[in-house]
Amino acid sequence: MPLNKYNFVIKRNDTLPALIANVIDRGSLYQKQSMDLSNVTAVTFSMINKDCDYIKISSKTAQITCVTGGTIQYNWDVDDTNEDGNFLGEFELFFNDGKKMSLPPMGGIQIEIPKDISLY
């Protein structure tokens, strides 16, 4: 399920759907285009609990799923979603020239993890 306007919902204890984002670059005349990720050497994902600033995920490995299409993805582990609540997530791209870029550039990805019915 692609990320939609920085909001993502996954139920507690689920590991699907993956968190997918398309990295957009501004081309000539400020036209939006998918960023070419061929110079990216690593992608990580981090997530904090918004209510208490507790770091739930710290710089875990994410994947580039389409280099020329600018698509990155984080696959959830069981421990990532074992607590319900509201979280902020962020991808970091590391480039072969030593530079780093955080996504989104402002704020974070709003991630909601609601309780699952079977655990009420």
Protein backbone atom coordinates (compact mmCIF):
# COMPACT_ATOMS: atom_id res chain seq x y z
CA MET A 1 0.00 0.00 0.00
CA PRO A 2 1.64 3.25 -1.05
CA LEU A 3 2.03 6.12 1.34
CA ASN A 4 -0.76 8.67 0.82
CA LYS A 5 -0.14 12.29 1.86
CA TYR A 6 2.15 11.31 4.75
CA ASN A 7 -0.50 9.11 6.45
CA PHE A 8 -0.19 5.38 6.96
CA VAL A 9 -2.30 2.93 9.00
CA ILE A 10 -1.31 -0.59 10.02
CA LYS A 11 -3.05 -2.59 12.75
CA ARG A 12 -1.22 -3.69 15.87
CA ASN A 13 0.79 -6.92 15.37
CA ASP A 14 0.48 -6.76 11.57
CA THR A 15 3.50 -6.81 9.26
CA LEU A 16 1.65 -5.99 6.04
CA PRO A 17 1.24 -3.77 4.12
CA ALA A 18 4.80 -2.53 3.70
CA LEU A 19 5.41 1.22 3.98
CA ILE A 20 6.13 2.39 0.43
CA ALA A 21 7.15 5.90 -0.62
CA ASN A 22 7.98 7.48 -3.95
CA VAL A 23 10.83 10.01 -3.78
CA ILE A 24 9.97 13.03 -5.89
CA ASP A 25 12.48 15.45 -7.39
CA ARG A 26 11.78 18.80 -9.00
CA GLY A 27 13.00 18.76 -12.58
CA SER A 28 13.31 21.60 -15.04
CA LEU A 29 10.56 24.20 -14.71
CA TYR A 30 9.72 22.62 -11.32
CA GLN A 31 7.99 19.64 -12.86
CA LYS A 32 7.67 16.77 -10.40
CA GLN A 33 9.46 13.59 -11.41
CA SER A 34 10.56 10.44 -9.62
CA MET A 35 14.09 10.75 -8.28
CA ASP A 36 16.77 8.50 -9.75
CA LEU A 37 18.21 6.61 -6.76
CA SER A 38 21.23 5.13 -8.54
CA ASN A 39 23.61 7.17 -6.32
CA VAL A 40 21.95 6.00 -3.08
CA THR A 41 24.05 3.47 -1.14
CA ALA A 42 21.67 2.86 1.79
CA VAL A 43 18.15 3.62 3.03
CA THR A 44 17.05 3.50 6.67
CA PHE A 45 13.75 3.98 8.50
CA SER A 46 13.14 5.35 12.00
CA MET A 47 9.92 5.85 13.98
CA ILE A 48 9.05 7.54 17.29
CA ASN A 49 5.91 7.47 19.44
CA LYS A 50 4.37 10.95 19.12
CA ASP A 51 2.95 10.97 22.66
CA CYS A 52 6.19 10.35 24.56
CA ASP A 53 9.01 10.74 21.98
CA TYR A 54 9.98 7.11 22.59
CA ILE A 55 12.12 5.77 19.73
CA LYS A 56 10.35 2.64 18.51
CA ILE A 57 12.52 2.01 15.41
CA SER A 58 16.03 3.41 15.07
CA SER A 59 17.70 3.46 11.64
CA LYS A 60 16.61 0.00 10.51
CA THR A 61 17.42 -1.04 6.96
CA ALA A 62 14.87 -0.17 4.28
CA GLN A 63 14.99 -1.05 0.58
CA ILE A 64 15.08 0.64 -2.79
CA THR A 65 12.46 -1.20 -4.83
CA CYS A 66 12.77 0.83 -8.04
CA VAL A 67 16.00 2.76 -8.67
CA THR A 68 14.82 4.77 -11.67
CA GLY A 69 11.27 5.14 -10.34
CA GLY A 70 12.38 6.53 -6.97
CA THR A 71 10.52 3.94 -4.88
CA ILE A 72 11.65 3.00 -1.36
CA GLN A 73 10.07 0.57 1.08
CA TYR A 74 10.18 -0.48 4.73
CA ASN A 75 9.09 -4.02 5.61
CA TRP A 76 7.69 -4.26 9.13
CA ASP A 77 9.06 -6.69 11.73
CA VAL A 78 6.77 -8.16 14.40
CA ASP A 79 8.29 -5.94 17.11
CA ASP A 80 7.68 -2.78 15.05
CA THR A 81 3.89 -2.91 15.38
CA ASN A 82 3.36 -4.61 18.75
CA GLU A 83 2.21 -1.35 20.41
CA ASP A 84 -0.81 0.70 19.37
CA GLY A 85 -0.56 4.48 19.15
CA ASN A 86 0.37 7.39 16.92
CA PHE A 87 3.88 7.56 15.54
CA LEU A 88 6.11 9.67 13.28
CA GLY A 89 8.32 7.95 10.73
CA GLU A 90 11.23 9.07 8.59
CA PHE A 91 13.37 7.59 5.82
CA GLU A 92 17.01 8.56 5.40
CA LEU A 93 18.85 8.20 2.11
CA PHE A 94 22.64 7.93 2.10
CA PHE A 95 24.46 8.85 -1.12
CA ASN A 96 27.78 7.58 -2.50
CA ASP A 97 29.32 11.08 -2.11
CA GLY A 98 28.72 10.99 1.68
CA LYS A 99 25.61 13.21 1.65
CA LYS A 100 22.37 12.34 3.46
CA MET A 101 18.73 13.29 2.83
CA SER A 102 15.80 12.83 5.26
CA LEU A 103 12.28 12.20 3.96
CA PRO A 104 9.90 13.83 4.35
CA PRO A 105 11.98 17.02 4.53
CA MET A 106 9.59 18.59 7.06
CA GLY A 107 7.75 16.84 9.88
CA GLY A 108 7.35 13.11 9.49
CA ILE A 109 5.17 10.35 8.12
CA GLN A 110 2.05 10.08 10.30
CA ILE A 111 1.71 6.42 11.24
CA GLU A 112 -1.31 5.13 13.15
CA ILE A 113 -1.25 1.68 14.75
CA PRO A 114 -4.77 0.94 16.06
CA LYS A 115 -5.58 -2.00 18.32
CA ASP A 116 -6.65 -5.16 16.55
CA ILE A 117 -10.07 -6.57 17.48
CA SER A 118 -8.74 -9.96 18.54
CA LEU A 119 -6.86 -8.38 21.46
CA TYR A 120 -9.72 -6.42 23.06
